[in-house]
Amino acid sequence: MAERRAIRQLSRAAAVTAMAGAVGGMALLAAETLAARARKYATPDMQLAMRATVGPAKAPTLRLVLLGDSTALGVGVEQVADTVGGQLAALLAEGPGGRRVELSSVAVAGSHSSDLGIQVARALVGTRPDVAVILIGTNDAVRLARPLESAEQLAAAVRRLRGAGSAVVVGTCPDLGSTRAFAQPLRQLLGWHGRRLGRAQVDAVRSAGGTAVDLAERTGPVFRADAGTLCHDGFHPSADGYRVWAHALLPAVVAAVGGLRHP
C-alpha cells in the first residue's frame, strides 16, 4: 500500500510539474510575443519607387513584376538597386543573353497570402508582365495561419498569372528561425511553423504551374550564420540578405525567361 501511495504521489507531482511547465512556457511565449510586437521595425521608404529600367536600351525587353509582402518592396534598404528585385534585374541584365529589364512592384508591406488577389489584379493592368516573382509567407507564419489554406490562396494567385501568360517564380516563406527579432523559444516555434508553410507552398505552387524556390532551405543556413544578412531590425533582410535571395531565385527566373515566347 505504501508503495502504491508513493507512486500515486509521484504521478500527481509529475502532472503538476508538467502543467506548471506548460503554463510557464505559454507565459514565456506570450511575453516574447508582446516584446516582438513592441519592437520598432524597418518601414517602407516612400522615396523608393519600385519602378526602374535596368540594362542596355537595345536589348530585348523583359517585364519583371514583384508581388508579396514587405520583402518584395525592399523594406530594410535605401536603394532600389539593393532590393531583391533590383538585384535580380541587374543579374538578368548582365548575364548571358542580357535583357533590358523593366522592373515594377505591386507588393504591399504586411501582406498575407489572402491579399495576393488584389495584387494580381494590379499586376495585370496594362501590359502583361513576362515574369512575376512572389515573395510571401512570413506574415502568414507569424500569425500561425493554416499552412494548407495559405498555400491554396497562393496557388490561386499563381494560376491567375499563369492564365494571363506570365511565368511565375515564388520565393517561399523564409527561415524565421534565423531572425534576431524574436527570442527563443518563440523564434524556434515560428521557424517550425514557417517550414510547414514553406513545404505546403512548394506543393501548391507546382500544382498551379509555377516554380517554387524554397528560401528557407536554400538560404536559411546563410542567414543563421551571418547576422549581416538582416537589417537593423533583425527581421527584414539587408542588402546582403536580399543579394543572397536574388542569387537563390535567379536560376528559376532565368529558366522562366528562357521558356518565354515573344511574337
C-alpha atoms as a PDB file:
ATOM      1  CA  MET A   1       0.000   0.000   0.000  1.00  0.00           C
ATOM      2  CA  ALA A   2       2.799   2.363   0.874  1.00  0.00           C
ATOM      3  CA  GLU A   3       4.427   1.764  -2.498  1.00  0.00           C
ATOM      4  CA  ARG A   4       1.174   2.426  -4.363  1.00  0.00           C
ATOM      5  CA  ARG A   5       0.640   5.594  -2.335  1.00  0.00           C
ATOM      6  CA  ALA A   6       4.147   6.745  -3.196  1.00  0.00           C
ATOM      7  CA  ILE A   7       3.595   6.005  -6.876  1.00  0.00           C
ATOM      8  CA  ARG A   8       0.329   7.983  -6.858  1.00  0.00           C
ATOM      9  CA  GLN A   9       2.062  10.900  -5.147  1.00  0.00           C
ATOM     10  CA  LEU A  10       4.884  10.832  -7.693  1.00  0.00           C
ATOM     11  CA  SER A  11       2.354  10.720 -10.539  1.00  0.00           C
ATOM     12  CA  ARG A  12       0.490  13.714  -9.126  1.00  0.00           C
ATOM     13  CA  ALA A  13       3.741  15.581  -8.609  1.00  0.00           C
ATOM     14  CA  ALA A  14       4.822  14.826 -12.173  1.00  0.00           C
ATOM     15  CA  ALA A  15       1.458  16.001 -13.530  1.00  0.00           C
ATOM     16  CA  VAL A  16       1.626  19.225 -11.511  1.00  0.00           C
ATOM     17  CA  THR A  17       5.205  19.811 -12.664  1.00  0.00           C
ATOM     18  CA  ALA A  18       4.258  19.214 -16.312  1.00  0.00           C
ATOM     19  CA  MET A  19       1.280  21.535 -16.008  1.00  0.00           C
ATOM     20  CA  ALA A  20       3.395  24.215 -14.372  1.00  0.00           C
ATOM     21  CA  GLY A  21       5.978  23.839 -17.110  1.00  0.00           C
ATOM     22  CA  ALA A  22       3.330  24.143 -19.800  1.00  0.00           C
ATOM     23  CA  VAL A  23       1.788  27.206 -18.146  1.00  0.00           C
ATOM     24  CA  GLY A  24       5.227  28.719 -17.679  1.00  0.00           C
ATOM     25  CA  GLY A  25       6.091  28.014 -21.322  1.00  0.00           C
ATOM     26  CA  MET A  26       2.887  29.628 -22.523  1.00  0.00           C
ATOM     27  CA  ALA A  27       3.523  32.653 -20.331  1.00  0.00           C
ATOM     28  CA  LEU A  28       7.040  32.951 -21.743  1.00  0.00           C
ATOM     29  CA  LEU A  29       5.780  32.729 -25.325  1.00  0.00           C
ATOM     30  CA  ALA A  30       3.131  35.338 -24.582  1.00  0.00           C
ATOM     31  CA  ALA A  31       5.734  37.686 -23.110  1.00  0.00           C
ATOM     32  CA  GLU A  32       8.058  37.189 -26.066  1.00  0.00           C
ATOM     33  CA  THR A  33       5.202  37.795 -28.488  1.00  0.00           C
ATOM     34  CA  LEU A  34       4.381  41.097 -26.777  1.00  0.00           C
ATOM     35  CA  ALA A  35       8.047  42.075 -26.848  1.00  0.00           C
ATOM     36  CA  ALA A  36       8.274  41.224 -30.556  1.00  0.00           C
ATOM     37  CA  ARG A  37       5.210  43.320 -31.313  1.00  0.00           C
ATOM     38  CA  ALA A  38       6.631  46.262 -29.362  1.00  0.00           C
ATOM     39  CA  ARG A  39       9.876  46.305 -31.357  1.00  0.00           C
ATOM     40  CA  LYS A  40      10.496  49.002 -33.940  1.00  0.00           C
ATOM     41  CA  TYR A  41      10.803  47.512 -37.393  1.00  0.00           C
ATOM     42  CA  ALA A  42      12.011  48.974 -40.651  1.00  0.00           C
ATOM     43  CA  THR A  43       9.248  50.662 -42.630  1.00  0.00           C
ATOM     44  CA  PRO A  44       8.739  51.167 -46.376  1.00  0.00           C
ATOM     45  CA  ASP A  45      10.817  54.038 -47.727  1.00  0.00           C
ATOM     46  CA  MET A  46       8.389  56.150 -49.735  1.00  0.00           C
ATOM     47  CA  GLN A  47      11.317  57.530 -51.727  1.00  0.00           C
ATOM     48  CA  LEU A  48      11.896  54.061 -53.117  1.00  0.00           C
ATOM     49  CA  ALA A  49       9.642  53.952 -56.165  1.00  0.00           C
ATOM     50  CA  MET A  50       9.907  50.305 -57.185  1.00  0.00           C
ATOM     51  CA  ARG A  51       9.888  51.098 -60.869  1.00  0.00           C
ATOM     52  CA  ALA A  52      13.141  51.087 -62.774  1.00  0.00           C
ATOM     53  CA  THR A  53      14.697  50.067 -66.058  1.00  0.00           C
ATOM     54  CA  VAL A  54      17.974  48.161 -66.000  1.00  0.00           C
ATOM     55  CA  GLY A  55      20.093  47.061 -68.940  1.00  0.00           C
ATOM     56  CA  PRO A  56      21.060  48.173 -72.485  1.00  0.00           C
ATOM     57  CA  ALA A  57      18.464  50.158 -74.374  1.00  0.00           C
ATOM     58  CA  LYS A  58      18.665  47.904 -77.452  1.00  0.00           C
ATOM     59  CA  ALA A  59      18.475  44.603 -75.566  1.00  0.00           C
ATOM     60  CA  PRO A  60      15.236  42.551 -75.615  1.00  0.00           C
ATOM     61  CA  THR A  61      12.784  43.859 -73.036  1.00  0.00           C
ATOM     62  CA  LEU A  62      11.767  41.753 -70.041  1.00  0.00           C
ATOM     63  CA  ARG A  63       8.893  42.936 -67.857  1.00  0.00           C
ATOM     64  CA  LEU A  64       9.519  41.772 -64.276  1.00  0.00           C
ATOM     65  CA  VAL A  65       6.985  42.437 -61.524  1.00  0.00           C
ATOM     66  CA  LEU A  66       7.234  41.630 -57.826  1.00  0.00           C
ATOM     67  CA  LEU A  67       4.264  40.733 -55.651  1.00  0.00           C
ATOM     68  CA  GLY A  68       4.006  39.895 -51.976  1.00  0.00           C
ATOM     69  CA  ASP A  69       4.947  41.428 -48.653  1.00  0.00           C
ATOM     70  CA  SER A  70       7.493  43.965 -47.402  1.00  0.00           C
ATOM     71  CA  THR A  71      10.428  41.914 -48.671  1.00  0.00           C
ATOM     72  CA  ALA A  72       9.128  42.234 -52.234  1.00  0.00           C
ATOM     73  CA  LEU A  73       9.177  46.004 -51.700  1.00  0.00           C
ATOM     74  CA  GLY A  74      12.689  46.010 -50.298  1.00  0.00           C
ATOM     75  CA  VAL A  75      11.949  47.167 -46.767  1.00  0.00           C
ATOM     76  CA  GLY A  76      15.234  47.367 -44.896  1.00  0.00           C
ATOM     77  CA  VAL A  77      17.330  49.007 -47.641  1.00  0.00           C
ATOM     78  CA  GLU A  78      17.525  52.519 -49.060  1.00  0.00           C
ATOM     79  CA  GLN A  79      18.125  51.994 -52.775  1.00  0.00           C
ATOM     80  CA  VAL A  80      16.177  50.149 -55.454  1.00  0.00           C
ATOM     81  CA  ALA A  81      19.451  48.550 -56.555  1.00  0.00           C
ATOM     82  CA  ASP A  82      19.723  46.856 -53.136  1.00  0.00           C
ATOM     83  CA  THR A  83      16.250  45.312 -53.159  1.00  0.00           C
ATOM     84  CA  VAL A  84      15.763  41.731 -54.251  1.00  0.00           C
ATOM     85  CA  GLY A  85      14.006  42.998 -57.377  1.00  0.00           C
ATOM     86  CA  GLY A  86      16.751  45.461 -58.183  1.00  0.00           C
ATOM     87  CA  GLN A  87      19.452  42.846 -57.736  1.00  0.00           C
ATOM     88  CA  LEU A  88      17.549  40.311 -59.829  1.00  0.00           C
ATOM     89  CA  ALA A  89      17.125  42.899 -62.578  1.00  0.00           C
ATOM     90  CA  ALA A  90      20.855  43.653 -62.557  1.00  0.00           C
ATOM     91  CA  LEU A  91      21.752  39.963 -62.730  1.00  0.00           C
ATOM     92  CA  LEU A  92      19.354  39.404 -65.628  1.00  0.00           C
ATOM     93  CA  ALA A  93      20.690  42.440 -67.481  1.00  0.00           C
ATOM     94  CA  GLU A  94      24.337  41.489 -67.001  1.00  0.00           C
ATOM     95  CA  GLY A  95      24.065  37.754 -67.614  1.00  0.00           C
ATOM     96  CA  PRO A  96      24.341  35.817 -70.894  1.00  0.00           C
ATOM     97  CA  GLY A  97      21.691  36.979 -73.368  1.00  0.00           C
ATOM     98  CA  GLY A  98      21.212  40.075 -71.228  1.00  0.00           C
ATOM     99  CA  ARG A  99      17.863  41.807 -71.158  1.00  0.00           C
ATOM    100  CA  ARG A 100      16.568  45.319 -70.700  1.00  0.00           C
ATOM    101  CA  VAL A 101      14.563  44.708 -67.547  1.00  0.00           C
ATOM    102  CA  GLU A 102      11.517  46.832 -66.795  1.00  0.00           C
ATOM    103  CA  LEU A 103      11.123  46.349 -63.057  1.00  0.00           C
ATOM    104  CA  SER A 104       7.999  47.148 -61.065  1.00  0.00           C
ATOM    105  CA  SER A 105       6.288  46.060 -57.867  1.00  0.00           C
ATOM    106  CA  VAL A 106       2.697  45.842 -56.673  1.00  0.00           C
ATOM    107  CA  ALA A 107       3.687  44.389 -53.294  1.00  0.00           C
ATOM    108  CA  VAL A 108       2.281  45.798 -50.060  1.00  0.00           C
ATOM    109  CA  ALA A 109       4.057  45.655 -46.706  1.00  0.00           C
ATOM    110  CA  GLY A 110       2.285  43.454 -44.188  1.00  0.00           C
ATOM    111  CA  SER A 111       0.536  41.366 -46.839  1.00  0.00           C
ATOM    112  CA  HIS A 112      -0.683  37.834 -46.267  1.00  0.00           C
ATOM    113  CA  SER A 113      -1.393  35.222 -48.917  1.00  0.00           C
ATOM    114  CA  SER A 114      -5.059  36.254 -48.811  1.00  0.00           C
ATOM    115  CA  ASP A 115      -4.043  39.701 -50.117  1.00  0.00           C
ATOM    116  CA  LEU A 116      -2.465  38.413 -53.314  1.00  0.00           C
ATOM    117  CA  GLY A 117      -5.685  38.550 -55.322  1.00  0.00           C
ATOM    118  CA  ILE A 118      -5.722  42.353 -55.327  1.00  0.00           C
ATOM    119  CA  GLN A 119      -2.032  42.480 -56.186  1.00  0.00           C
ATOM    120  CA  VAL A 120      -2.507  40.122 -59.131  1.00  0.00           C
ATOM    121  CA  ALA A 121      -5.285  42.342 -60.468  1.00  0.00           C
ATOM    122  CA  ARG A 122      -2.965  45.355 -60.265  1.00  0.00           C
ATOM    123  CA  ALA A 123      -0.098  43.460 -61.878  1.00  0.00           C
ATOM    124  CA  LEU A 124      -2.254  42.543 -64.868  1.00  0.00           C
ATOM    125  CA  VAL A 125      -3.439  46.087 -65.558  1.00  0.00           C
ATOM    126  CA  GLY A 126      -1.911  47.286 -68.820  1.00  0.00           C
ATOM    127  CA  THR A 127       0.936  45.353 -70.396  1.00  0.00           C
ATOM    128  CA  ARG A 128       1.196  41.808 -69.094  1.00  0.00           C
ATOM    129  CA  PRO A 129       4.382  41.055 -67.098  1.00  0.00           C
ATOM    130  CA  ASP A 130       6.672  38.441 -68.591  1.00  0.00           C
ATOM    131  CA  VAL A 131       7.777  37.137 -65.208  1.00  0.00           C
ATOM    132  CA  ALA A 132       6.145  37.568 -61.813  1.00  0.00           C
ATOM    133  CA  VAL A 133       8.176  36.926 -58.666  1.00  0.00           C
ATOM    134  CA  ILE A 134       6.139  36.421 -55.499  1.00  0.00           C
ATOM    135  CA  LEU A 135       7.640  36.667 -52.011  1.00  0.00           C
ATOM    136  CA  ILE A 136       5.065  35.729 -49.379  1.00  0.00           C
ATOM    137  CA  GLY A 137       4.604  33.682 -46.235  1.00  0.00           C
ATOM    138  CA  THR A 138       6.282  35.495 -43.363  1.00  0.00           C
ATOM    139  CA  ASN A 139       3.143  37.233 -42.126  1.00  0.00           C
ATOM    140  CA  ASP A 140       1.081  34.066 -42.553  1.00  0.00           C
ATOM    141  CA  ALA A 141       3.573  32.148 -40.423  1.00  0.00           C
ATOM    142  CA  VAL A 142       3.785  34.859 -37.755  1.00  0.00           C
ATOM    143  CA  ARG A 143       0.030  34.834 -37.281  1.00  0.00           C
ATOM    144  CA  LEU A 144       0.095  30.983 -37.266  1.00  0.00           C
ATOM    145  CA  ALA A 145      -2.234  30.737 -40.265  1.00  0.00           C
ATOM    146  CA  ARG A 146      -3.181  27.292 -41.529  1.00  0.00           C
ATOM    147  CA  PRO A 147      -0.464  26.228 -43.987  1.00  0.00           C
ATOM    148  CA  LEU A 148      -2.768  24.495 -46.461  1.00  0.00           C
ATOM    149  CA  GLU A 149      -5.201  27.418 -46.533  1.00  0.00           C
ATOM    150  CA  SER A 150      -2.435  29.975 -47.106  1.00  0.00           C
ATOM    151  CA  ALA A 151      -0.828  27.756 -49.738  1.00  0.00           C
ATOM    152  CA  GLU A 152      -4.100  27.449 -51.668  1.00  0.00           C
ATOM    153  CA  GLN A 153      -4.505  31.244 -51.648  1.00  0.00           C
ATOM    154  CA  LEU A 154      -1.019  31.481 -53.109  1.00  0.00           C
ATOM    155  CA  ALA A 155      -1.828  28.818 -55.704  1.00  0.00           C
ATOM    156  CA  ALA A 156      -4.899  30.788 -56.801  1.00  0.00           C
ATOM    157  CA  ALA A 157      -2.690  33.814 -57.485  1.00  0.00           C
ATOM    158  CA  VAL A 158      -0.217  31.692 -59.418  1.00  0.00           C
ATOM    159  CA  ARG A 159      -2.981  30.188 -61.554  1.00  0.00           C
ATOM    160  CA  ARG A 160      -4.334  33.632 -62.456  1.00  0.00           C
ATOM    161  CA  LEU A 161      -0.912  34.893 -63.503  1.00  0.00           C
ATOM    162  CA  ARG A 162      -0.172  31.742 -65.473  1.00  0.00           C
ATOM    163  CA  GLY A 163      -3.563  32.003 -67.141  1.00  0.00           C
ATOM    164  CA  ALA A 164      -2.650  35.514 -68.263  1.00  0.00           C
ATOM    165  CA  GLY A 165       0.546  34.212 -69.846  1.00  0.00           C
ATOM    166  CA  SER A 166       3.077  35.267 -67.203  1.00  0.00           C
ATOM    167  CA  ALA A 167       5.771  32.941 -65.882  1.00  0.00           C
ATOM    168  CA  VAL A 168       5.694  32.758 -62.077  1.00  0.00           C
ATOM    169  CA  VAL A 169       8.507  32.174 -59.590  1.00  0.00           C
ATOM    170  CA  VAL A 170       7.662  32.044 -55.880  1.00  0.00           C
ATOM    171  CA  GLY A 171      10.122  32.540 -53.054  1.00  0.00           C
ATOM    172  CA  THR A 172       8.522  30.594 -50.203  1.00  0.00           C
ATOM    173  CA  CYS A 173       8.423  31.535 -46.522  1.00  0.00           C
ATOM    174  CA  PRO A 174      11.994  32.303 -45.415  1.00  0.00           C
ATOM    175  CA  ASP A 175      13.686  30.741 -42.391  1.00  0.00           C
ATOM    176  CA  LEU A 176      12.079  32.554 -39.456  1.00  0.00           C
ATOM    177  CA  GLY A 177      14.364  30.611 -37.163  1.00  0.00           C
ATOM    178  CA  SER A 178      17.169  32.881 -38.369  1.00  0.00           C
ATOM    179  CA  THR A 179      15.572  36.158 -37.303  1.00  0.00           C
ATOM    180  CA  ARG A 180      17.154  38.027 -34.416  1.00  0.00           C
ATOM    181  CA  ALA A 181      13.969  39.999 -33.699  1.00  0.00           C
ATOM    182  CA  PHE A 182      12.400  37.048 -31.843  1.00  0.00           C
ATOM    183  CA  ALA A 183      13.763  35.470 -28.675  1.00  0.00           C
ATOM    184  CA  GLN A 184      13.755  31.742 -28.009  1.00  0.00           C
ATOM    185  CA  PRO A 185      11.567  29.697 -27.821  1.00  0.00           C
ATOM    186  CA  LEU A 186       9.290  31.946 -29.935  1.00  0.00           C
ATOM    187  CA  ARG A 187      11.893  32.002 -32.707  1.00  0.00           C
ATOM    188  CA  GLN A 188      12.009  28.206 -32.763  1.00  0.00           C
ATOM    189  CA  LEU A 189       8.210  27.929 -32.833  1.00  0.00           C
ATOM    190  CA  LEU A 190       7.871  30.377 -35.729  1.00  0.00           C
ATOM    191  CA  GLY A 191      10.728  28.696 -37.564  1.00  0.00           C
ATOM    192  CA  TRP A 192       8.964  25.338 -37.271  1.00  0.00           C
ATOM    193  CA  HIS A 193       5.637  26.763 -38.431  1.00  0.00           C
ATOM    194  CA  GLY A 194       7.324  28.608 -41.279  1.00  0.00           C
ATOM    195  CA  ARG A 195       8.871  25.359 -42.517  1.00  0.00           C
ATOM    196  CA  ARG A 196       5.438  23.689 -42.504  1.00  0.00           C
ATOM    197  CA  LEU A 197       4.063  26.584 -44.529  1.00  0.00           C
ATOM    198  CA  GLY A 198       7.015  26.534 -46.901  1.00  0.00           C
ATOM    199  CA  ARG A 199       6.525  22.855 -47.715  1.00  0.00           C
ATOM    200  CA  ALA A 200       2.830  23.432 -48.385  1.00  0.00           C
ATOM    201  CA  GLN A 201       3.695  26.397 -50.611  1.00  0.00           C
ATOM    202  CA  VAL A 202       6.119  24.341 -52.715  1.00  0.00           C
ATOM    203  CA  ASP A 203       3.464  21.716 -53.472  1.00  0.00           C
ATOM    204  CA  ALA A 204       0.748  24.293 -54.155  1.00  0.00           C
ATOM    205  CA  VAL A 205       2.878  26.417 -56.482  1.00  0.00           C
ATOM    206  CA  ARG A 206       3.986  23.436 -58.531  1.00  0.00           C
ATOM    207  CA  SER A 207       0.424  22.187 -58.886  1.00  0.00           C
ATOM    208  CA  ALA A 208      -0.617  25.657 -60.110  1.00  0.00           C
ATOM    209  CA  GLY A 209       2.037  25.740 -62.830  1.00  0.00           C
ATOM    210  CA  GLY A 210       4.587  27.972 -61.131  1.00  0.00           C
ATOM    211  CA  THR A 211       8.149  27.413 -59.948  1.00  0.00           C
ATOM    212  CA  ALA A 212       8.824  27.366 -56.209  1.00  0.00           C
ATOM    213  CA  VAL A 213      12.165  28.292 -54.651  1.00  0.00           C
ATOM    214  CA  ASP A 214      12.445  27.105 -51.035  1.00  0.00           C
ATOM    215  CA  LEU A 215      14.143  30.123 -49.486  1.00  0.00           C
ATOM    216  CA  ALA A 216      14.330  28.563 -46.028  1.00  0.00           C
ATOM    217  CA  GLU A 217      16.190  25.521 -47.320  1.00  0.00           C
ATOM    218  CA  ARG A 218      18.462  27.346 -49.747  1.00  0.00           C
ATOM    219  CA  THR A 219      19.300  30.472 -47.793  1.00  0.00           C
ATOM    220  CA  GLY A 220      18.379  29.758 -44.162  1.00  0.00           C
ATOM    221  CA  PRO A 221      21.851  28.486 -43.179  1.00  0.00           C
ATOM    222  CA  VAL A 222      23.455  31.673 -44.530  1.00  0.00           C
ATOM    223  CA  PHE A 223      21.056  33.892 -42.579  1.00  0.00           C
ATOM    224  CA  ARG A 224      21.621  31.867 -39.406  1.00  0.00           C
ATOM    225  CA  ALA A 225      25.397  32.127 -39.736  1.00  0.00           C
ATOM    226  CA  ASP A 226      25.645  35.790 -40.734  1.00  0.00           C
ATOM    227  CA  ALA A 227      23.720  38.449 -38.802  1.00  0.00           C
ATOM    228  CA  GLY A 228      24.704  40.926 -41.510  1.00  0.00           C
ATOM    229  CA  THR A 229      22.115  39.395 -43.831  1.00  0.00           C
ATOM    230  CA  LEU A 230      19.467  41.174 -41.731  1.00  0.00           C
ATOM    231  CA  CYS A 231      18.950  44.919 -41.476  1.00  0.00           C
ATOM    232  CA  HIS A 232      18.992  46.874 -38.218  1.00  0.00           C
ATOM    233  CA  ASP A 233      15.638  45.493 -37.009  1.00  0.00           C
ATOM    234  CA  GLY A 234      16.848  41.879 -37.072  1.00  0.00           C
ATOM    235  CA  PHE A 235      13.819  40.889 -39.126  1.00  0.00           C
ATOM    236  CA  HIS A 236      13.947  42.250 -42.679  1.00  0.00           C
ATOM    237  CA  PRO A 237      16.851  41.375 -44.973  1.00  0.00           C
ATOM    238  CA  SER A 238      19.706  43.806 -45.517  1.00  0.00           C
ATOM    239  CA  ALA A 239      21.222  44.495 -48.941  1.00  0.00           C
ATOM    240  CA  ASP A 240      23.417  41.423 -48.396  1.00  0.00           C
ATOM    241  CA  GLY A 241      20.394  39.345 -47.437  1.00  0.00           C
ATOM    242  CA  TYR A 242      18.458  40.416 -50.499  1.00  0.00           C
ATOM    243  CA  ARG A 243      21.519  39.566 -52.600  1.00  0.00           C
ATOM    244  CA  VAL A 244      21.503  36.031 -51.170  1.00  0.00           C
ATOM    245  CA  TRP A 245      17.809  35.728 -52.063  1.00  0.00           C
ATOM    246  CA  ALA A 246      18.347  37.151 -55.560  1.00  0.00           C
ATOM    247  CA  HIS A 247      21.011  34.561 -56.335  1.00  0.00           C
ATOM    248  CA  ALA A 248      18.778  31.793 -54.970  1.00  0.00           C
ATOM    249  CA  LEU A 249      15.885  32.943 -57.179  1.00  0.00           C
ATOM    250  CA  LEU A 250      17.983  33.649 -60.272  1.00  0.00           C
ATOM    251  CA  PRO A 251      18.183  30.125 -61.783  1.00  0.00           C
ATOM    252  CA  ALA A 252      14.397  29.744 -61.658  1.00  0.00           C
ATOM    253  CA  VAL A 253      13.857  33.207 -63.149  1.00  0.00           C
ATOM    254  CA  VAL A 254      16.411  32.545 -65.906  1.00  0.00           C
ATOM    255  CA  ALA A 255      14.664  29.266 -66.711  1.00  0.00           C
ATOM    256  CA  ALA A 256      11.328  31.088 -66.816  1.00  0.00           C
ATOM    257  CA  VAL A 257      12.768  33.738 -69.135  1.00  0.00           C
ATOM    258  CA  GLY A 258      14.187  31.020 -71.403  1.00  0.00           C
ATOM    259  CA  GLY A 259      10.753  29.497 -71.733  1.00  0.00           C
ATOM    260  CA  LEU A 260       9.070  32.726 -72.815  1.00  0.00           C
ATOM    261  CA  ARG A 261       7.721  33.078 -76.299  1.00  0.00           C
ATOM    262  CA  HIS A 262       7.692  36.507 -77.870  1.00  0.00           C
ATOM    263  CA  PRO A 263       5.885  37.392 -81.057  1.00  0.00           C
END
